[in-house]
C-alpha atoms as a PDB file:
ATOM      1  CA  MET A   1     -13.993  11.123   9.870  1.00  0.00           C
ATOM      2  CA  ALA A   2     -13.630   7.421   9.146  1.00  0.00           C
ATOM      3  CA  ALA A   3     -17.158   7.180   7.971  1.00  0.00           C
ATOM      4  CA  ARG A   4     -16.505   9.986   5.525  1.00  0.00           C
ATOM      5  CA  GLY A   5     -13.513   8.043   4.294  1.00  0.00           C
ATOM      6  CA  SER A   6     -15.455   4.836   3.963  1.00  0.00           C
ATOM      7  CA  GLU A   7     -18.256   6.742   1.970  1.00  0.00           C
ATOM      8  CA  ARG A   8     -15.625   8.144  -0.379  1.00  0.00           C
ATOM      9  CA  ILE A   9     -14.232   4.653  -0.988  1.00  0.00           C
ATOM     10  CA  LEU A  10     -17.691   3.316  -1.671  1.00  0.00           C
ATOM     11  CA  ASP A  11     -18.340   6.183  -4.007  1.00  0.00           C
ATOM     12  CA  ALA A  12     -15.152   5.755  -5.972  1.00  0.00           C
ATOM     13  CA  LEU A  13     -15.836   2.008  -6.150  1.00  0.00           C
ATOM     14  CA  GLU A  14     -19.484   2.477  -7.268  1.00  0.00           C
ATOM     15  CA  GLU A  15     -18.302   4.761  -9.942  1.00  0.00           C
ATOM     16  CA  LEU A  16     -15.742   2.227 -11.279  1.00  0.00           C
ATOM     17  CA  VAL A  17     -18.370  -0.459 -11.291  1.00  0.00           C
ATOM     18  CA  ALA A  18     -20.782   1.820 -13.107  1.00  0.00           C
ATOM     19  CA  GLU A  19     -18.261   2.562 -15.719  1.00  0.00           C
ATOM     20  CA  LEU A  20     -17.034  -0.983 -16.310  1.00  0.00           C
ATOM     21  CA  PRO A  21     -19.841  -2.009 -18.636  1.00  0.00           C
ATOM     22  CA  GLY A  22     -19.292   0.836 -20.923  1.00  0.00           C
ATOM     23  CA  ARG A  23     -15.545   0.262 -21.136  1.00  0.00           C
ATOM     24  CA  VAL A  24     -16.094  -3.560 -21.740  1.00  0.00           C
ATOM     25  CA  ARG A  25     -17.302  -2.564 -25.211  1.00  0.00           C
ATOM     26  CA  GLY A  26     -13.783  -1.277 -25.871  1.00  0.00           C
ATOM     27  CA  SER A  27     -10.461  -3.135 -25.949  1.00  0.00           C
ATOM     28  CA  ARG A  28      -9.722  -5.492 -23.107  1.00  0.00           C
ATOM     29  CA  SER A  29      -6.407  -4.240 -22.780  1.00  0.00           C
ATOM     30  CA  ARG A  30      -7.619  -0.542 -22.630  1.00  0.00           C
ATOM     31  CA  LEU A  31     -10.007  -1.581 -20.028  1.00  0.00           C
ATOM     32  CA  SER A  32      -7.467  -3.434 -18.058  1.00  0.00           C
ATOM     33  CA  GLY A  33      -5.027  -0.358 -18.172  1.00  0.00           C
ATOM     34  CA  GLN A  34      -7.588   2.037 -17.279  1.00  0.00           C
ATOM     35  CA  ALA A  35      -9.069  -0.001 -14.349  1.00  0.00           C
ATOM     36  CA  LEU A  36      -5.633  -0.623 -13.054  1.00  0.00           C
ATOM     37  CA  GLY A  37      -4.835   3.130 -13.455  1.00  0.00           C
ATOM     38  CA  ALA A  38      -8.027   3.977 -11.429  1.00  0.00           C
ATOM     39  CA  LEU A  39      -7.289   1.513  -8.768  1.00  0.00           C
ATOM     40  CA  ARG A  40      -3.642   2.866  -8.279  1.00  0.00           C
ATOM     41  CA  ALA A  41      -4.891   6.431  -8.202  1.00  0.00           C
ATOM     42  CA  LEU A  42      -7.485   5.471  -5.595  1.00  0.00           C
ATOM     43  CA  ALA A  43      -4.881   3.589  -3.562  1.00  0.00           C
ATOM     44  CA  ASP A  44      -2.474   6.649  -3.676  1.00  0.00           C
ATOM     45  CA  GLU A  45      -5.335   8.957  -2.686  1.00  0.00           C
ATOM     46  CA  LEU A  46      -6.097   6.721   0.184  1.00  0.00           C
ATOM     47  CA  GLY A  47      -2.385   6.538   1.263  1.00  0.00           C
ATOM     48  CA  LEU A  48      -2.259   2.831   0.867  1.00  0.00           C
ATOM     49  CA  VAL A  49       1.242   1.192   0.500  1.00  0.00           C
ATOM     50  CA  THR A  50       2.185  -1.193  -2.441  1.00  0.00           C
ATOM     51  CA  ARG A  51       3.061  -4.751  -1.903  1.00  0.00           C
ATOM     52  CA  ASP A  52       6.708  -4.018  -2.811  1.00  0.00           C
ATOM     53  CA  GLU A  53       6.759  -1.219  -0.265  1.00  0.00           C
ATOM     54  CA  PHE A  54       5.257  -3.368   2.352  1.00  0.00           C
ATOM     55  CA  ASP A  55       7.808  -6.171   1.709  1.00  0.00           C
ATOM     56  CA  GLU A  56      10.803  -3.835   1.778  1.00  0.00           C
ATOM     57  CA  LEU A  57       9.502  -2.506   5.131  1.00  0.00           C
ATOM     58  CA  GLU A  58       8.904  -6.060   6.490  1.00  0.00           C
ATOM     59  CA  LEU A  59      12.594  -6.965   5.415  1.00  0.00           C
ATOM     60  CA  ARG A  60      13.905  -3.712   7.252  1.00  0.00           C
ATOM     61  CA  VAL A  61      12.040  -4.582  10.316  1.00  0.00           C
ATOM     62  CA  ALA A  62      13.422  -8.070  10.280  1.00  0.00           C
ATOM     63  CA  GLN A  63      16.997  -6.780   9.781  1.00  0.00           C
ATOM     64  CA  LEU A  64      16.524  -4.497  12.763  1.00  0.00           C
ATOM     65  CA  GLU A  65      15.171  -7.297  14.921  1.00  0.00           C
ATOM     66  CA  HIS A  66      18.111  -9.463  14.037  1.00  0.00           C
ATOM     67  CA  ARG A  67      20.598  -6.663  14.854  1.00  0.00           C
ATOM     68  CA  LEU A  68      18.877  -6.070  18.188  1.00  0.00           C
ATOM     69  CA  ARG A  69      19.078  -9.714  19.146  1.00  0.00           C
ATOM     70  CA  LEU A  70      22.739  -9.845  18.366  1.00  0.00           C
ATOM     71  CA  LEU A  71      23.469  -6.774  20.488  1.00  0.00           C
ATOM     72  CA  GLU A  72      21.300  -8.377  23.342  1.00  0.00           C
ATOM     73  CA  GLN A  73      23.081 -11.623  23.269  1.00  0.00           C
ATOM     74  CA  ALA A  74      26.473  -9.835  23.214  1.00  0.00           C
ATOM     75  CA  GLY A  75      25.309  -8.015  26.422  1.00  0.00           C
ATOM     76  CA  ASP A  76      26.281  -4.647  24.900  1.00  0.00           C
ATOM     77  CA  PRO A  77      23.705  -1.992  25.578  1.00  0.00           C
ATOM     78  CA  PRO A  78      22.091  -0.511  22.321  1.00  0.00           C
ATOM     79  CA  ARG A  79      23.948   2.569  21.125  1.00  0.00           C
ATOM     80  CA  VAL A  80      21.984   5.603  20.121  1.00  0.00           C
ATOM     81  CA  PRO A  81      23.608   7.437  17.092  1.00  0.00           C
ATOM     82  CA  GLY A  82      24.778  10.901  18.193  1.00  0.00           C
ATOM     83  CA  GLN A  83      25.501  10.062  21.679  1.00  0.00           C
END
């Protein structure tokens, strides 16, 4: 399954590389926009997260770790919501 995913990625990248010379003849801004759009679509299809999403999750994990340390230092057992 992973091999098929890798093949799909390689196929998509090869297609992008093959299209680039033809697109270079056009406007650079159009090329940049189209290439960026194609890369974003590929990232979405592969289920990759954006840098902003990653940074947000990293911050949330750091906040949760901090809260956990505060609870551990206070000697209180962590509370589970709804119990």
